[in-house]
Amino acid sequence: MSKIGDFLKEAGVFFLATAEGDQPRLRPLGAYLEMDGKVIFGVGNFKNVYKQLCANPKVELVACKQNGHWLRYTGKAVFESDPKYAAAMLEMMPDVKKLYDANPGYKMMAFHIENATAVDIAVMGDGENLLA
């Protein structure tokens, strides 16, 4: 796994920040996967977060570990055109997959973060670049 994937796994829950106009929006997430050298996230096409990412793809993700370290992962959300990523996201979440299967208009939209910075920051210390 990548350093980012390792961090997210240990943290468990992480928070995705988007913007809606001039209002920041933040929500907890817990699912991600690593495929083809990318850390992949997913959101539903019927959710506000998807609309926000389409309108303004600038995104920031924050995760915290028990040891006091936290991750700031910032960049541009880029949606995947290959449906294999969305399918893989749904396969790892069977209950969510049932919801999407039961609602034909619901579609999982997978994305990764490009032009990114990712820093592991200690509470009392300097950050470590996880993309170096």
Protein backbone atom coordinates (compact mmCIF):
# COMPACT_ATOMS: atom_id res chain seq x y z
CA MET A 1 0.00 0.00 0.00
CA SER A 2 1.00 3.61 -0.39
CA LYS A 3 1.87 5.80 2.59
CA ILE A 4 -1.48 7.56 2.10
CA GLY A 5 -3.36 4.24 2.03
CA ASP A 6 -1.52 3.06 5.14
CA PHE A 7 -2.44 6.28 6.94
CA LEU A 8 -6.11 6.08 5.94
CA LYS A 9 -6.31 2.43 7.00
CA GLU A 10 -4.93 3.20 10.45
CA ALA A 11 -7.15 6.28 10.87
CA GLY A 12 -10.32 4.42 9.85
CA VAL A 13 -12.50 7.48 9.30
CA PHE A 14 -11.39 10.53 7.38
CA PHE A 15 -13.04 13.78 6.37
CA LEU A 16 -13.51 15.13 2.85
CA ALA A 17 -13.84 18.89 2.41
CA THR A 18 -15.46 20.48 -0.63
CA ALA A 19 -16.98 23.89 -1.33
CA GLU A 20 -20.53 24.87 -2.17
CA GLY A 21 -20.23 28.41 -3.44
CA ASP A 22 -18.38 30.21 -0.67
CA GLN A 23 -19.47 27.70 2.02
CA PRO A 24 -17.09 24.88 3.00
CA ARG A 25 -18.68 21.42 3.31
CA LEU A 26 -17.16 18.58 5.29
CA ARG A 27 -18.25 14.97 5.61
CA PRO A 28 -16.83 11.76 7.10
CA LEU A 29 -15.84 8.91 4.81
CA GLY A 30 -14.23 5.57 5.47
CA ALA A 31 -13.98 3.79 2.13
CA TYR A 32 -11.11 4.00 -0.29
CA LEU A 33 -9.13 1.56 -2.37
CA GLU A 34 -5.83 1.48 -4.15
CA MET A 35 -5.77 0.47 -7.80
CA ASP A 36 -3.34 1.11 -10.60
CA GLY A 37 -1.11 3.23 -8.35
CA LYS A 38 -3.95 5.55 -7.31
CA VAL A 39 -5.88 6.05 -4.07
CA ILE A 40 -9.53 5.92 -5.17
CA PHE A 41 -12.55 7.38 -3.39
CA GLY A 42 -16.23 7.15 -4.33
CA VAL A 43 -19.35 9.30 -4.03
CA GLY A 44 -22.88 8.89 -5.33
CA ASN A 45 -23.96 10.86 -8.39
CA PHE A 46 -27.16 11.82 -6.54
CA LYS A 47 -25.34 13.39 -3.57
CA ASN A 48 -24.46 17.03 -3.01
CA VAL A 49 -20.79 16.13 -2.61
CA TYR A 50 -20.72 14.94 -6.23
CA LYS A 51 -22.33 18.17 -7.45
CA GLN A 52 -19.85 20.18 -5.37
CA LEU A 53 -16.87 18.30 -6.82
CA CYS A 54 -18.16 18.82 -10.37
CA ALA A 55 -18.60 22.56 -9.78
CA ASN A 56 -15.26 22.97 -7.99
CA PRO A 57 -12.88 19.99 -8.01
CA LYS A 58 -10.56 21.45 -5.37
CA VAL A 59 -10.67 19.05 -2.45
CA GLU A 60 -9.00 18.39 0.86
CA LEU A 61 -9.03 15.25 2.93
CA VAL A 62 -8.02 15.07 6.60
CA ALA A 63 -7.48 11.94 8.71
CA CYS A 64 -6.31 11.58 12.32
CA LYS A 65 -4.52 8.67 13.94
CA GLN A 66 -4.58 7.75 17.64
CA ASN A 67 -0.91 8.71 18.01
CA GLY A 68 -1.73 12.37 17.31
CA HIS A 69 -0.52 12.42 13.72
CA TRP A 70 -2.88 13.79 11.12
CA LEU A 71 -2.90 13.75 7.33
CA ARG A 72 -3.73 16.66 5.07
CA TYR A 73 -4.22 15.44 1.47
CA THR A 74 -5.03 18.30 -0.91
CA GLY A 75 -5.50 18.56 -4.65
CA LYS A 76 -7.96 18.28 -7.52
CA ALA A 77 -10.61 15.54 -7.67
CA VAL A 78 -10.50 13.78 -11.04
CA PHE A 79 -13.34 11.37 -11.80
CA GLU A 80 -12.42 8.04 -13.34
CA SER A 81 -13.85 7.26 -16.78
CA ASP A 82 -13.22 3.51 -16.45
CA PRO A 83 -16.17 1.90 -14.62
CA LYS A 84 -13.89 -0.73 -13.03
CA TYR A 85 -13.02 1.74 -10.24
CA ALA A 86 -16.64 2.40 -9.26
CA ALA A 87 -17.41 -1.32 -9.48
CA ALA A 88 -14.48 -2.11 -7.17
CA MET A 89 -15.66 0.51 -4.67
CA LEU A 90 -19.12 -1.06 -4.59
CA GLU A 91 -17.76 -4.59 -4.25
CA MET A 92 -15.97 -3.63 -1.03
CA MET A 93 -19.21 -2.23 0.45
CA PRO A 94 -21.96 -4.88 0.00
CA ASP A 95 -24.66 -2.90 1.86
CA VAL A 96 -24.01 0.19 -0.23
CA LYS A 97 -23.98 -1.94 -3.39
CA LYS A 98 -27.49 -3.22 -2.51
CA LEU A 99 -28.70 0.38 -2.20
CA TYR A 100 -27.26 1.29 -5.60
CA ASP A 101 -28.62 -1.90 -7.20
CA ALA A 102 -32.10 -1.13 -5.84
CA ASN A 103 -32.06 2.42 -7.24
CA PRO A 104 -31.28 2.40 -10.99
CA GLY A 105 -30.56 6.16 -11.08
CA TYR A 106 -27.86 5.85 -8.41
CA LYS A 107 -24.34 5.59 -9.75
CA MET A 108 -21.07 5.36 -7.86
CA MET A 109 -18.61 7.94 -9.13
CA ALA A 110 -14.98 7.08 -8.39
CA PHE A 111 -12.26 9.70 -8.25
CA HIS A 112 -8.63 10.17 -7.31
CA ILE A 113 -6.75 13.31 -6.30
CA GLU A 114 -4.27 14.87 -8.74
CA ASN A 115 -1.79 17.73 -8.39
CA ALA A 116 -1.75 16.69 -4.77
CA THR A 117 0.15 17.34 -1.62
CA ALA A 118 -0.04 14.87 1.26
CA VAL A 119 1.54 15.70 4.58
CA ASP A 120 1.67 13.60 7.77
CA ILE A 121 1.74 16.19 10.55
CA ALA A 122 2.69 15.46 14.15
CA VAL A 123 0.85 17.46 16.80
CA MET A 124 4.12 19.02 17.93
CA GLY A 125 6.45 18.79 14.98
CA ASP A 126 7.15 19.22 11.33
CA GLY A 127 5.19 17.47 8.62
CA GLU A 128 6.45 14.63 6.43
CA ASN A 129 5.66 14.68 2.71
CA LEU A 130 3.99 11.35 1.94
CA LEU A 131 4.28 11.76 -1.82
CA ALA A 132 8.07 12.10 -1.89
